[in-house]
């Protein structure tokens, strides 16, 4: 697997898609170029730990936490997001994770 490959935790599919192929056309087109990865138990546990460490677990989306936890296991990860504030909070404990805003 190439280090620059786009990898997407499976939970992002539930978060970002509507189920209507017409509305999801652009997302589905992007996802065809991605490697979809299962969310493992260790990844889910790390996501829970990251949410708790922010001090505002109740206000941070579990899917964002899983993305941050998954990214921390990848070499040279860059997370593209429209919600950089929450992801930066989650990724603080993993300085190798770069968060970039789509805005």
C-alpha atoms as a PDB file:
ATOM      1  CA  UNK A   1       0.000   0.000   0.000  1.00  0.00           C
ATOM      2  CA  UNK A   2       1.366   3.399  -0.958  1.00  0.00           C
ATOM      3  CA  UNK A   3       1.944   5.853   1.882  1.00  0.00           C
ATOM      4  CA  UNK A   4       0.011   8.526  -0.007  1.00  0.00           C
ATOM      5  CA  UNK A   5      -3.084   6.371  -0.483  1.00  0.00           C
ATOM      6  CA  UNK A   6      -6.328   7.931   0.699  1.00  0.00           C
ATOM      7  CA  UNK A   7      -7.713   5.833   3.525  1.00  0.00           C
ATOM      8  CA  UNK A   8     -11.164   6.301   5.009  1.00  0.00           C
ATOM      9  CA  UNK A   9     -12.451   4.678   8.222  1.00  0.00           C
ATOM     10  CA  UNK A  10     -15.773   2.977   7.463  1.00  0.00           C
ATOM     11  CA  UNK A  11     -17.628   5.097  10.029  1.00  0.00           C
ATOM     12  CA  UNK A  12     -17.136   8.121   7.756  1.00  0.00           C
ATOM     13  CA  UNK A  13     -19.493   6.484   5.259  1.00  0.00           C
ATOM     14  CA  UNK A  14     -22.346   6.555   7.766  1.00  0.00           C
ATOM     15  CA  UNK A  15     -21.515  10.128   8.738  1.00  0.00           C
ATOM     16  CA  UNK A  16     -21.166  11.583   5.259  1.00  0.00           C
ATOM     17  CA  UNK A  17     -23.580   9.743   2.992  1.00  0.00           C
ATOM     18  CA  UNK A  18     -27.356  10.093   2.708  1.00  0.00           C
ATOM     19  CA  UNK A  19     -28.161   6.788   1.013  1.00  0.00           C
ATOM     20  CA  UNK A  20     -29.544   8.610  -2.052  1.00  0.00           C
ATOM     21  CA  UNK A  21     -27.163   7.866  -4.929  1.00  0.00           C
ATOM     22  CA  UNK A  22     -28.118  11.138  -6.643  1.00  0.00           C
ATOM     23  CA  UNK A  23     -27.239  13.267  -3.618  1.00  0.00           C
ATOM     24  CA  UNK A  24     -24.178  11.152  -2.801  1.00  0.00           C
ATOM     25  CA  UNK A  25     -22.766  11.180  -6.349  1.00  0.00           C
ATOM     26  CA  UNK A  26     -19.712  13.345  -5.605  1.00  0.00           C
ATOM     27  CA  UNK A  27     -18.906  11.588  -2.324  1.00  0.00           C
ATOM     28  CA  UNK A  28     -19.251   8.172  -3.956  1.00  0.00           C
ATOM     29  CA  UNK A  29     -16.985   9.260  -6.796  1.00  0.00           C
ATOM     30  CA  UNK A  30     -14.314  10.297  -4.296  1.00  0.00           C
ATOM     31  CA  UNK A  31     -14.743   7.124  -2.236  1.00  0.00           C
ATOM     32  CA  UNK A  32     -14.102   4.926  -5.291  1.00  0.00           C
ATOM     33  CA  UNK A  33     -10.534   6.265  -5.194  1.00  0.00           C
ATOM     34  CA  UNK A  34     -10.171   5.548  -1.470  1.00  0.00           C
ATOM     35  CA  UNK A  35      -9.335   2.497   0.570  1.00  0.00           C
ATOM     36  CA  UNK A  36     -12.154   1.890   3.045  1.00  0.00           C
ATOM     37  CA  UNK A  37     -10.834   0.552   6.356  1.00  0.00           C
ATOM     38  CA  UNK A  38     -12.753  -1.274   9.061  1.00  0.00           C
ATOM     39  CA  UNK A  39     -12.847   0.283  12.499  1.00  0.00           C
ATOM     40  CA  UNK A  40     -11.164  -2.100  14.909  1.00  0.00           C
ATOM     41  CA  UNK A  41     -11.790  -2.352  18.629  1.00  0.00           C
ATOM     42  CA  UNK A  42      -8.388  -0.830  19.511  1.00  0.00           C
ATOM     43  CA  UNK A  43      -9.145   2.109  17.204  1.00  0.00           C
ATOM     44  CA  UNK A  44     -12.564   2.609  18.825  1.00  0.00           C
ATOM     45  CA  UNK A  45     -10.986   2.521  22.288  1.00  0.00           C
ATOM     46  CA  UNK A  46      -8.370   5.080  21.266  1.00  0.00           C
ATOM     47  CA  UNK A  47     -11.144   7.277  19.854  1.00  0.00           C
ATOM     48  CA  UNK A  48     -12.973   7.129  23.183  1.00  0.00           C
ATOM     49  CA  UNK A  49      -9.756   8.012  25.007  1.00  0.00           C
ATOM     50  CA  UNK A  50      -9.156  10.972  22.704  1.00  0.00           C
ATOM     51  CA  UNK A  51     -12.717  12.267  23.208  1.00  0.00           C
ATOM     52  CA  UNK A  52     -12.343  12.049  26.973  1.00  0.00           C
ATOM     53  CA  UNK A  53      -8.951  13.775  26.867  1.00  0.00           C
ATOM     54  CA  UNK A  54     -10.481  16.845  25.170  1.00  0.00           C
ATOM     55  CA  UNK A  55     -12.594  17.545  28.262  1.00  0.00           C
ATOM     56  CA  UNK A  56     -15.669  17.923  26.078  1.00  0.00           C
ATOM     57  CA  UNK A  57     -16.486  14.390  25.007  1.00  0.00           C
ATOM     58  CA  UNK A  58     -20.220  15.069  24.958  1.00  0.00           C
ATOM     59  CA  UNK A  59     -19.843  17.728  22.270  1.00  0.00           C
ATOM     60  CA  UNK A  60     -17.423  15.938  19.933  1.00  0.00           C
ATOM     61  CA  UNK A  61     -18.721  13.542  17.298  1.00  0.00           C
ATOM     62  CA  UNK A  62     -17.641   9.918  17.704  1.00  0.00           C
ATOM     63  CA  UNK A  63     -16.920   9.736  13.962  1.00  0.00           C
ATOM     64  CA  UNK A  64     -14.432  12.618  14.292  1.00  0.00           C
ATOM     65  CA  UNK A  65     -12.760  10.810  17.178  1.00  0.00           C
ATOM     66  CA  UNK A  66     -12.444   7.633  15.104  1.00  0.00           C
ATOM     67  CA  UNK A  67     -10.913   9.601  12.227  1.00  0.00           C
ATOM     68  CA  UNK A  68      -8.339  11.140  14.591  1.00  0.00           C
ATOM     69  CA  UNK A  69      -7.568   7.787  16.216  1.00  0.00           C
ATOM     70  CA  UNK A  70      -7.211   6.069  12.854  1.00  0.00           C
ATOM     71  CA  UNK A  71      -5.008   8.860  11.477  1.00  0.00           C
ATOM     72  CA  UNK A  72      -2.656   8.474  14.425  1.00  0.00           C
ATOM     73  CA  UNK A  73      -1.801   4.961  13.179  1.00  0.00           C
ATOM     74  CA  UNK A  74      -0.896   6.082   9.653  1.00  0.00           C
ATOM     75  CA  UNK A  75       2.504   7.326   8.468  1.00  0.00           C
ATOM     76  CA  UNK A  76       2.418  11.079   7.753  1.00  0.00           C
ATOM     77  CA  UNK A  77      -1.354  11.455   8.049  1.00  0.00           C
ATOM     78  CA  UNK A  78      -3.212  14.505   6.757  1.00  0.00           C
ATOM     79  CA  UNK A  79      -6.894  14.842   7.683  1.00  0.00           C
ATOM     80  CA  UNK A  80      -9.030  17.048   5.443  1.00  0.00           C
ATOM     81  CA  UNK A  81     -12.078  18.388   7.252  1.00  0.00           C
ATOM     82  CA  UNK A  82     -14.708  21.091   7.338  1.00  0.00           C
ATOM     83  CA  UNK A  83     -14.565  20.926  11.157  1.00  0.00           C
ATOM     84  CA  UNK A  84     -10.904  21.550  12.023  1.00  0.00           C
ATOM     85  CA  UNK A  85     -11.554  22.775  15.575  1.00  0.00           C
ATOM     86  CA  UNK A  86     -12.841  19.440  16.883  1.00  0.00           C
ATOM     87  CA  UNK A  87     -10.286  17.390  14.978  1.00  0.00           C
ATOM     88  CA  UNK A  88      -7.410  19.554  16.188  1.00  0.00           C
ATOM     89  CA  UNK A  89      -8.637  19.061  19.758  1.00  0.00           C
ATOM     90  CA  UNK A  90      -8.721  15.312  19.220  1.00  0.00           C
ATOM     91  CA  UNK A  91      -5.336  15.159  17.496  1.00  0.00           C
ATOM     92  CA  UNK A  92      -3.429  17.210  20.094  1.00  0.00           C
ATOM     93  CA  UNK A  93      -2.059  14.039  21.660  1.00  0.00           C
ATOM     94  CA  UNK A  94      -0.747  12.854  18.296  1.00  0.00           C
ATOM     95  CA  UNK A  95       1.424  15.674  16.892  1.00  0.00           C
ATOM     96  CA  UNK A  96       2.162  13.660  13.744  1.00  0.00           C
ATOM     97  CA  UNK A  97      -1.478  14.110  12.605  1.00  0.00           C
ATOM     98  CA  UNK A  98      -1.897  17.164  10.370  1.00  0.00           C
ATOM     99  CA  UNK A  99      -5.375  18.701  10.239  1.00  0.00           C
ATOM    100  CA  UNK A 100      -6.253  20.820   7.203  1.00  0.00           C
ATOM    101  CA  UNK A 101      -9.469  22.753   6.717  1.00  0.00           C
ATOM    102  CA  UNK A 102     -11.445  22.340   3.500  1.00  0.00           C
ATOM    103  CA  UNK A 103     -12.728  25.896   3.829  1.00  0.00           C
END
